[in-house]
N, C-alpha and C. Protein backbone atom coordinates (compact mmCIF):
# COMPACT_ATOMS: atom_id res chain seq x y z
N MET A 1 -102.06 69.61 -48.10
CA MET A 1 -103.18 69.09 -48.86
C MET A 1 -102.66 68.07 -49.87
N ILE A 2 -103.45 67.08 -50.11
CA ILE A 2 -103.09 66.05 -51.08
C ILE A 2 -103.24 66.60 -52.49
N SER A 3 -102.39 66.13 -53.39
CA SER A 3 -102.46 66.63 -54.76
C SER A 3 -103.52 65.83 -55.55
N PHE A 4 -104.06 66.50 -56.54
CA PHE A 4 -105.02 65.83 -57.43
C PHE A 4 -104.35 64.74 -58.25
N ASP A 5 -103.05 64.94 -58.52
CA ASP A 5 -102.31 63.89 -59.25
C ASP A 5 -102.31 62.60 -58.44
N GLU A 6 -102.10 62.72 -57.13
CA GLU A 6 -102.09 61.55 -56.27
C GLU A 6 -103.48 60.89 -56.20
N LEU A 7 -104.50 61.70 -56.05
CA LEU A 7 -105.87 61.19 -56.03
C LEU A 7 -106.22 60.49 -57.34
N ASN A 8 -105.84 61.11 -58.45
CA ASN A 8 -106.12 60.51 -59.76
C ASN A 8 -105.31 59.24 -59.96
N ALA A 9 -104.07 59.20 -59.45
CA ALA A 9 -103.26 58.00 -59.55
C ALA A 9 -103.93 56.85 -58.75
N GLN A 10 -104.41 57.18 -57.57
CA GLN A 10 -105.11 56.16 -56.77
C GLN A 10 -106.34 55.64 -57.53
N ASN A 11 -107.11 56.55 -58.10
CA ASN A 11 -108.29 56.15 -58.86
C ASN A 11 -107.92 55.27 -60.04
N HIS A 12 -106.82 55.60 -60.69
CA HIS A 12 -106.37 54.80 -61.83
C HIS A 12 -105.98 53.39 -61.38
N GLN A 13 -105.28 53.29 -60.25
CA GLN A 13 -104.88 51.97 -59.72
C GLN A 13 -106.10 51.15 -59.33
N ILE A 14 -107.07 51.79 -58.70
CA ILE A 14 -108.30 51.11 -58.30
C ILE A 14 -109.05 50.61 -59.54
N THR A 15 -109.12 51.44 -60.54
CA THR A 15 -109.80 51.06 -61.79
C THR A 15 -109.10 49.88 -62.45
N GLU A 16 -107.79 49.94 -62.53
CA GLU A 16 -107.03 48.84 -63.13
C GLU A 16 -107.26 47.54 -62.36
N LEU A 17 -107.20 47.60 -61.04
CA LEU A 17 -107.43 46.39 -60.25
C LEU A 17 -108.84 45.85 -60.47
N ALA A 18 -109.83 46.71 -60.52
CA ALA A 18 -111.22 46.26 -60.74
C ALA A 18 -111.34 45.60 -62.11
N ASN A 19 -110.72 46.18 -63.13
CA ASN A 19 -110.79 45.59 -64.46
C ASN A 19 -110.12 44.23 -64.51
N VAL A 20 -108.95 44.10 -63.92
CA VAL A 20 -108.25 42.82 -63.91
C VAL A 20 -109.03 41.79 -63.10
N LEU A 21 -109.52 42.19 -61.95
CA LEU A 21 -110.28 41.26 -61.11
C LEU A 21 -111.58 40.83 -61.79
N SER A 22 -112.24 41.74 -62.43
CA SER A 22 -113.49 41.39 -63.13
C SER A 22 -113.19 40.34 -64.20
N TYR A 23 -112.11 40.51 -64.90
CA TYR A 23 -111.69 39.53 -65.92
C TYR A 23 -111.35 38.18 -65.28
N LEU A 24 -110.57 38.21 -64.23
CA LEU A 24 -110.18 36.96 -63.58
C LEU A 24 -111.38 36.24 -62.98
N MET A 25 -112.25 36.98 -62.32
CA MET A 25 -113.35 36.35 -61.61
C MET A 25 -114.48 35.89 -62.55
N ALA A 26 -114.34 36.20 -63.82
CA ALA A 26 -115.30 35.66 -64.80
C ALA A 26 -115.12 34.15 -64.95
N ASP A 27 -113.95 33.68 -64.55
CA ASP A 27 -113.66 32.23 -64.56
C ASP A 27 -113.76 31.73 -63.12
N ARG A 28 -114.70 30.85 -62.85
CA ARG A 28 -114.95 30.34 -61.49
C ARG A 28 -113.68 29.82 -60.84
N ALA A 29 -112.85 29.11 -61.60
CA ALA A 29 -111.63 28.52 -61.04
C ALA A 29 -110.64 29.56 -60.55
N MET A 30 -110.70 30.76 -61.09
CA MET A 30 -109.77 31.82 -60.68
C MET A 30 -110.14 32.44 -59.33
N CYS A 31 -111.39 32.25 -58.92
CA CYS A 31 -111.84 32.85 -57.65
C CYS A 31 -111.15 32.24 -56.45
N ASP A 32 -110.74 31.00 -56.54
CA ASP A 32 -110.06 30.32 -55.44
C ASP A 32 -108.53 30.42 -55.54
N ASN A 33 -108.08 31.13 -56.51
CA ASN A 33 -106.66 31.31 -56.76
C ASN A 33 -106.06 32.29 -55.75
N GLU A 34 -104.92 31.94 -55.19
CA GLU A 34 -104.26 32.77 -54.20
C GLU A 34 -103.89 34.16 -54.75
N VAL A 35 -103.43 34.21 -55.98
CA VAL A 35 -103.07 35.47 -56.60
C VAL A 35 -104.29 36.37 -56.76
N THR A 36 -105.39 35.79 -57.20
CA THR A 36 -106.64 36.54 -57.34
C THR A 36 -107.08 37.10 -55.99
N CYS A 37 -106.99 36.28 -54.96
CA CYS A 37 -107.37 36.72 -53.61
C CYS A 37 -106.48 37.88 -53.15
N LYS A 38 -105.18 37.78 -53.39
CA LYS A 38 -104.27 38.88 -53.00
C LYS A 38 -104.63 40.15 -53.74
N LEU A 39 -104.91 40.03 -55.04
CA LEU A 39 -105.32 41.22 -55.80
C LEU A 39 -106.61 41.79 -55.29
N PHE A 40 -107.56 40.91 -54.95
CA PHE A 40 -108.83 41.39 -54.45
C PHE A 40 -108.65 42.16 -53.14
N PHE A 41 -107.88 41.64 -52.21
CA PHE A 41 -107.71 42.34 -50.95
C PHE A 41 -106.85 43.59 -51.09
N GLU A 42 -105.99 43.62 -52.11
CA GLU A 42 -105.26 44.88 -52.42
C GLU A 42 -106.28 45.91 -52.92
N TYR A 43 -107.21 45.48 -53.74
CA TYR A 43 -108.25 46.35 -54.25
C TYR A 43 -109.05 46.97 -53.07
N VAL A 44 -109.51 46.12 -52.18
CA VAL A 44 -110.29 46.58 -51.02
C VAL A 44 -109.47 47.59 -50.20
N GLU A 45 -108.23 47.28 -49.98
CA GLU A 45 -107.35 48.15 -49.18
C GLU A 45 -107.14 49.52 -49.89
N ARG A 46 -106.92 49.48 -51.19
CA ARG A 46 -106.70 50.74 -51.94
C ARG A 46 -107.96 51.60 -51.94
N VAL A 47 -109.12 50.99 -52.07
CA VAL A 47 -110.37 51.76 -52.01
C VAL A 47 -110.51 52.40 -50.65
N GLN A 48 -110.26 51.64 -49.59
CA GLN A 48 -110.36 52.16 -48.23
C GLN A 48 -109.36 53.31 -48.02
N GLU A 49 -108.12 53.12 -48.43
CA GLU A 49 -107.10 54.16 -48.31
C GLU A 49 -107.53 55.45 -49.04
N HIS A 50 -108.08 55.25 -50.21
CA HIS A 50 -108.50 56.42 -51.02
C HIS A 50 -109.63 57.18 -50.30
N LEU A 51 -110.61 56.46 -49.83
CA LEU A 51 -111.72 57.11 -49.12
C LEU A 51 -111.23 57.80 -47.84
N ASP A 52 -110.32 57.16 -47.14
CA ASP A 52 -109.75 57.76 -45.92
C ASP A 52 -108.97 59.03 -46.25
N MET A 53 -108.21 58.99 -47.34
CA MET A 53 -107.43 60.15 -47.73
C MET A 53 -108.34 61.31 -48.09
N GLU A 54 -109.41 61.04 -48.80
CA GLU A 54 -110.35 62.09 -49.14
C GLU A 54 -110.99 62.65 -47.88
N ASP A 55 -111.33 61.78 -46.95
CA ASP A 55 -111.94 62.20 -45.70
C ASP A 55 -111.00 63.15 -44.95
N LYS A 56 -109.73 62.83 -44.90
CA LYS A 56 -108.77 63.65 -44.16
C LYS A 56 -108.42 64.95 -44.86
N HIS A 57 -108.43 64.95 -46.18
CA HIS A 57 -107.88 66.10 -46.89
C HIS A 57 -108.85 66.94 -47.72
N LEU A 58 -110.04 66.45 -47.95
CA LEU A 58 -110.95 67.20 -48.83
C LEU A 58 -112.19 67.75 -48.15
N TYR A 59 -112.78 66.99 -47.26
CA TYR A 59 -114.13 67.35 -46.81
C TYR A 59 -114.18 68.46 -45.78
N ALA A 60 -113.16 68.63 -44.95
CA ALA A 60 -113.23 69.61 -43.86
C ALA A 60 -113.59 71.00 -44.36
N LYS A 61 -112.86 71.49 -45.38
CA LYS A 61 -113.13 72.82 -45.88
C LYS A 61 -114.48 72.90 -46.58
N LEU A 62 -114.85 71.82 -47.26
CA LEU A 62 -116.11 71.83 -47.98
C LEU A 62 -117.31 71.81 -47.05
N LEU A 63 -117.21 71.04 -45.98
CA LEU A 63 -118.34 70.90 -45.04
C LEU A 63 -118.61 72.18 -44.27
N THR A 64 -117.60 73.02 -44.13
CA THR A 64 -117.76 74.27 -43.39
C THR A 64 -117.86 75.49 -44.31
N HIS A 65 -117.96 75.26 -45.61
CA HIS A 65 -118.00 76.34 -46.57
C HIS A 65 -119.31 77.09 -46.44
N ARG A 66 -119.28 78.37 -46.74
CA ARG A 66 -120.46 79.22 -46.58
C ARG A 66 -121.52 78.97 -47.66
N ASP A 67 -121.09 78.40 -48.79
CA ASP A 67 -122.03 78.08 -49.89
C ASP A 67 -122.74 76.77 -49.58
N HIS A 68 -124.06 76.83 -49.51
CA HIS A 68 -124.90 75.70 -49.16
C HIS A 68 -124.69 74.52 -50.14
N ASP A 69 -124.57 74.83 -51.43
CA ASP A 69 -124.39 73.77 -52.43
C ASP A 69 -123.07 73.04 -52.24
N VAL A 70 -122.04 73.77 -51.89
CA VAL A 70 -120.73 73.14 -51.65
C VAL A 70 -120.84 72.18 -50.44
N CYS A 71 -121.47 72.64 -49.38
CA CYS A 71 -121.66 71.79 -48.19
C CYS A 71 -122.47 70.54 -48.52
N ASN A 72 -123.54 70.72 -49.26
CA ASN A 72 -124.39 69.57 -49.64
C ASN A 72 -123.63 68.56 -50.49
N THR A 73 -122.83 69.04 -51.42
CA THR A 73 -122.03 68.13 -52.26
C THR A 73 -121.05 67.35 -51.40
N ALA A 74 -120.41 68.03 -50.47
CA ALA A 74 -119.47 67.34 -49.57
C ALA A 74 -120.20 66.29 -48.73
N LYS A 75 -121.38 66.63 -48.22
CA LYS A 75 -122.15 65.68 -47.43
C LYS A 75 -122.55 64.46 -48.27
N LEU A 76 -122.93 64.67 -49.51
CA LEU A 76 -123.31 63.57 -50.40
C LEU A 76 -122.12 62.64 -50.64
N PHE A 77 -120.95 63.21 -50.90
CA PHE A 77 -119.77 62.38 -51.14
C PHE A 77 -119.35 61.64 -49.88
N LEU A 78 -119.44 62.31 -48.74
CA LEU A 78 -119.10 61.66 -47.47
C LEU A 78 -120.06 60.53 -47.18
N SER A 79 -121.34 60.75 -47.42
CA SER A 79 -122.35 59.73 -47.23
C SER A 79 -122.11 58.54 -48.18
N GLY A 80 -121.73 58.85 -49.41
CA GLY A 80 -121.41 57.79 -50.38
C GLY A 80 -120.22 56.97 -49.96
N ALA A 81 -119.22 57.62 -49.37
CA ALA A 81 -118.04 56.90 -48.87
C ALA A 81 -118.43 55.95 -47.75
N ASN A 82 -119.29 56.43 -46.86
CA ASN A 82 -119.76 55.58 -45.75
C ASN A 82 -120.57 54.38 -46.29
N GLU A 83 -121.36 54.61 -47.31
CA GLU A 83 -122.13 53.52 -47.91
C GLU A 83 -121.21 52.49 -48.57
N ILE A 84 -120.19 52.95 -49.27
CA ILE A 84 -119.24 52.01 -49.87
C ILE A 84 -118.56 51.18 -48.80
N GLN A 85 -118.16 51.80 -47.71
CA GLN A 85 -117.52 51.07 -46.62
C GLN A 85 -118.49 50.05 -46.02
N ARG A 86 -119.74 50.41 -45.87
CA ARG A 86 -120.74 49.49 -45.35
C ARG A 86 -120.92 48.29 -46.28
N ILE A 87 -120.97 48.56 -47.55
CA ILE A 87 -121.15 47.49 -48.55
C ILE A 87 -119.92 46.57 -48.55
N PHE A 88 -118.73 47.15 -48.46
CA PHE A 88 -117.50 46.34 -48.42
C PHE A 88 -117.52 45.41 -47.19
N LYS A 89 -117.90 45.95 -46.03
CA LYS A 89 -117.93 45.13 -44.81
C LYS A 89 -118.92 43.99 -44.93
N SER A 90 -120.09 44.29 -45.48
CA SER A 90 -121.10 43.26 -45.67
C SER A 90 -120.62 42.21 -46.66
N TYR A 91 -120.01 42.65 -47.72
CA TYR A 91 -119.47 41.76 -48.75
C TYR A 91 -118.42 40.84 -48.14
N GLN A 92 -117.50 41.42 -47.39
CA GLN A 92 -116.42 40.61 -46.77
C GLN A 92 -116.99 39.63 -45.76
N LYS A 93 -117.99 40.04 -45.01
CA LYS A 93 -118.60 39.14 -44.03
C LYS A 93 -119.21 37.94 -44.74
N LYS A 94 -119.83 38.18 -45.87
CA LYS A 94 -120.50 37.11 -46.60
C LYS A 94 -119.51 36.22 -47.36
N TRP A 95 -118.53 36.83 -48.04
CA TRP A 95 -117.68 36.08 -48.96
C TRP A 95 -116.27 35.82 -48.42
N CYS A 96 -115.92 36.38 -47.30
CA CYS A 96 -114.57 36.20 -46.76
C CYS A 96 -114.62 35.84 -45.26
N PRO A 97 -115.46 34.91 -44.86
CA PRO A 97 -115.60 34.65 -43.44
C PRO A 97 -114.33 34.06 -42.82
N ARG A 98 -114.06 34.49 -41.60
CA ARG A 98 -112.99 33.99 -40.75
C ARG A 98 -111.58 34.26 -41.26
N ASN A 99 -111.38 34.23 -42.55
CA ASN A 99 -110.01 34.36 -43.07
C ASN A 99 -110.01 35.53 -44.06
N ARG A 100 -109.41 36.61 -43.69
CA ARG A 100 -109.42 37.80 -44.51
C ARG A 100 -108.62 37.61 -45.81
N ASN A 101 -107.81 36.57 -45.91
CA ASN A 101 -106.98 36.40 -47.08
C ASN A 101 -107.48 35.37 -48.06
N SER A 102 -108.75 35.01 -47.96
CA SER A 102 -109.32 34.07 -48.92
C SER A 102 -110.77 34.42 -49.17
N LEU A 103 -111.28 33.87 -50.26
CA LEU A 103 -112.69 34.07 -50.62
C LEU A 103 -113.40 32.74 -50.42
N ASN A 104 -114.66 32.80 -49.98
CA ASN A 104 -115.47 31.62 -49.79
C ASN A 104 -116.62 31.67 -50.78
N VAL A 105 -116.41 31.09 -51.95
CA VAL A 105 -117.37 31.20 -53.04
C VAL A 105 -118.19 29.94 -53.12
N ALA A 106 -119.27 29.87 -52.36
CA ALA A 106 -120.14 28.70 -52.39
C ALA A 106 -121.16 28.83 -53.51
N ASP A 107 -121.66 30.03 -53.75
CA ASP A 107 -122.65 30.29 -54.78
C ASP A 107 -122.02 31.25 -55.79
N TYR A 108 -121.42 30.70 -56.82
CA TYR A 108 -120.65 31.52 -57.78
C TYR A 108 -121.50 32.57 -58.45
N ALA A 109 -122.71 32.26 -58.86
CA ALA A 109 -123.53 33.21 -59.56
C ALA A 109 -123.82 34.45 -58.68
N SER A 110 -124.15 34.23 -57.43
CA SER A 110 -124.39 35.36 -56.52
C SER A 110 -123.10 36.13 -56.25
N PHE A 111 -122.02 35.39 -56.04
CA PHE A 111 -120.72 36.02 -55.82
C PHE A 111 -120.35 36.93 -56.98
N ARG A 112 -120.46 36.42 -58.16
CA ARG A 112 -120.09 37.17 -59.38
C ARG A 112 -120.96 38.42 -59.50
N GLU A 113 -122.26 38.27 -59.31
CA GLU A 113 -123.17 39.41 -59.41
C GLU A 113 -122.85 40.48 -58.39
N GLU A 114 -122.67 40.08 -57.12
CA GLU A 114 -122.37 41.05 -56.07
C GLU A 114 -121.01 41.72 -56.27
N THR A 115 -120.06 40.94 -56.76
CA THR A 115 -118.73 41.49 -57.00
C THR A 115 -118.77 42.54 -58.10
N GLU A 116 -119.46 42.24 -59.19
CA GLU A 116 -119.58 43.20 -60.29
C GLU A 116 -120.33 44.45 -59.85
N GLN A 117 -121.36 44.29 -59.03
CA GLN A 117 -122.10 45.45 -58.52
C GLN A 117 -121.17 46.34 -57.67
N MET A 118 -120.34 45.69 -56.85
CA MET A 118 -119.41 46.45 -56.01
C MET A 118 -118.38 47.19 -56.87
N PHE A 119 -117.83 46.51 -57.86
CA PHE A 119 -116.87 47.15 -58.77
C PHE A 119 -117.53 48.35 -59.46
N ASN A 120 -118.74 48.16 -59.97
CA ASN A 120 -119.44 49.23 -60.68
C ASN A 120 -119.76 50.39 -59.76
N LEU A 121 -120.11 50.11 -58.53
CA LEU A 121 -120.36 51.18 -57.56
C LEU A 121 -119.12 52.05 -57.37
N VAL A 122 -117.99 51.40 -57.19
CA VAL A 122 -116.74 52.15 -57.00
C VAL A 122 -116.34 52.88 -58.26
N LEU A 123 -116.52 52.26 -59.41
CA LEU A 123 -116.17 52.93 -60.67
C LEU A 123 -117.05 54.15 -60.91
N ARG A 124 -118.34 54.06 -60.57
CA ARG A 124 -119.22 55.24 -60.66
C ARG A 124 -118.75 56.33 -59.70
N ARG A 125 -118.33 55.93 -58.52
CA ARG A 125 -117.83 56.89 -57.54
C ARG A 125 -116.60 57.61 -58.08
N ILE A 126 -115.69 56.87 -58.68
CA ILE A 126 -114.50 57.47 -59.25
C ILE A 126 -114.87 58.48 -60.34
N GLN A 127 -115.80 58.13 -61.18
CA GLN A 127 -116.25 59.04 -62.23
C GLN A 127 -116.86 60.31 -61.62
N ASP A 128 -117.67 60.15 -60.57
CA ASP A 128 -118.28 61.30 -59.92
C ASP A 128 -117.22 62.18 -59.25
N GLU A 129 -116.23 61.56 -58.65
CA GLU A 129 -115.14 62.35 -58.06
C GLU A 129 -114.44 63.19 -59.12
N THR A 130 -114.14 62.56 -60.23
CA THR A 130 -113.42 63.24 -61.30
C THR A 130 -114.23 64.35 -61.93
N GLU A 131 -115.53 64.11 -62.10
CA GLU A 131 -116.36 65.09 -62.78
C GLU A 131 -116.99 66.13 -61.86
N LYS A 132 -117.16 65.81 -60.57
CA LYS A 132 -117.90 66.71 -59.67
C LYS A 132 -117.08 67.17 -58.46
N LEU A 133 -116.52 66.21 -57.70
CA LEU A 133 -115.86 66.57 -56.44
C LEU A 133 -114.57 67.33 -56.68
N TYR A 134 -113.68 66.81 -57.51
CA TYR A 134 -112.39 67.47 -57.69
C TYR A 134 -112.52 68.84 -58.30
N PRO A 135 -113.37 69.03 -59.33
CA PRO A 135 -113.56 70.41 -59.82
C PRO A 135 -114.10 71.35 -58.75
N LEU A 136 -114.99 70.84 -57.89
CA LEU A 136 -115.51 71.66 -56.80
C LEU A 136 -114.38 72.06 -55.85
N VAL A 137 -113.56 71.14 -55.47
CA VAL A 137 -112.43 71.43 -54.56
C VAL A 137 -111.50 72.45 -55.19
N ARG A 138 -111.22 72.29 -56.47
CA ARG A 138 -110.35 73.24 -57.16
C ARG A 138 -110.98 74.64 -57.17
N ARG A 139 -112.28 74.71 -57.44
CA ARG A 139 -112.97 75.98 -57.49
C ARG A 139 -112.94 76.69 -56.13
N VAL A 140 -113.20 75.91 -55.07
CA VAL A 140 -113.18 76.47 -53.70
C VAL A 140 -111.77 76.94 -53.36
N ALA A 141 -110.76 76.14 -53.69
CA ALA A 141 -109.39 76.52 -53.39
C ALA A 141 -108.98 77.77 -54.16
N ALA A 142 -109.37 77.85 -55.41
CA ALA A 142 -109.07 79.04 -56.22
C ALA A 142 -109.73 80.28 -55.66
N ALA A 143 -110.96 80.15 -55.23
CA ALA A 143 -111.69 81.29 -54.64
C ALA A 143 -111.02 81.76 -53.35
N GLU A 144 -110.54 80.79 -52.55
CA GLU A 144 -109.85 81.14 -51.29
C GLU A 144 -108.53 81.81 -51.58
N ALA A 145 -107.85 81.39 -52.63
CA ALA A 145 -106.54 81.96 -52.97
C ALA A 145 -106.68 83.40 -53.42
N VAL A 146 -107.80 83.70 -54.07
CA VAL A 146 -108.06 85.07 -54.55
C VAL A 146 -108.44 85.98 -53.38
N ALA A 147 -109.16 85.43 -52.41
CA ALA A 147 -109.67 86.24 -51.29
C ALA A 147 -108.61 86.67 -50.35
């Protein structure tokens, strides 16, 4: 099983990247910068890796748990992960056509708004994981250890 330290470290890295990117992308000229693009695609990759890791290591026991509330929470988080992946794909299709290593910012105002919405969505997810999902997983694991 993955450690919570590792999950929290991933969340910290994702948060740092989002904060740096939000600052950089506030300047239109920085959006076309190669370094900014590399950081952006590192952000996307880290979010995807984090969601995949949770999928592999957290949800199986929760989805089959006898407590209905535990199962529902796992389903909600899994559904949220799928929604984030869908939003990322749509975002990349719109703003990163043909070349995965660059951004195509034709309408800066829309780009900036959608990017901030995406960052905020992921940051809210991280907060929910920290406050709801991880304590639930700890509680379930502790109950299983006692049984």
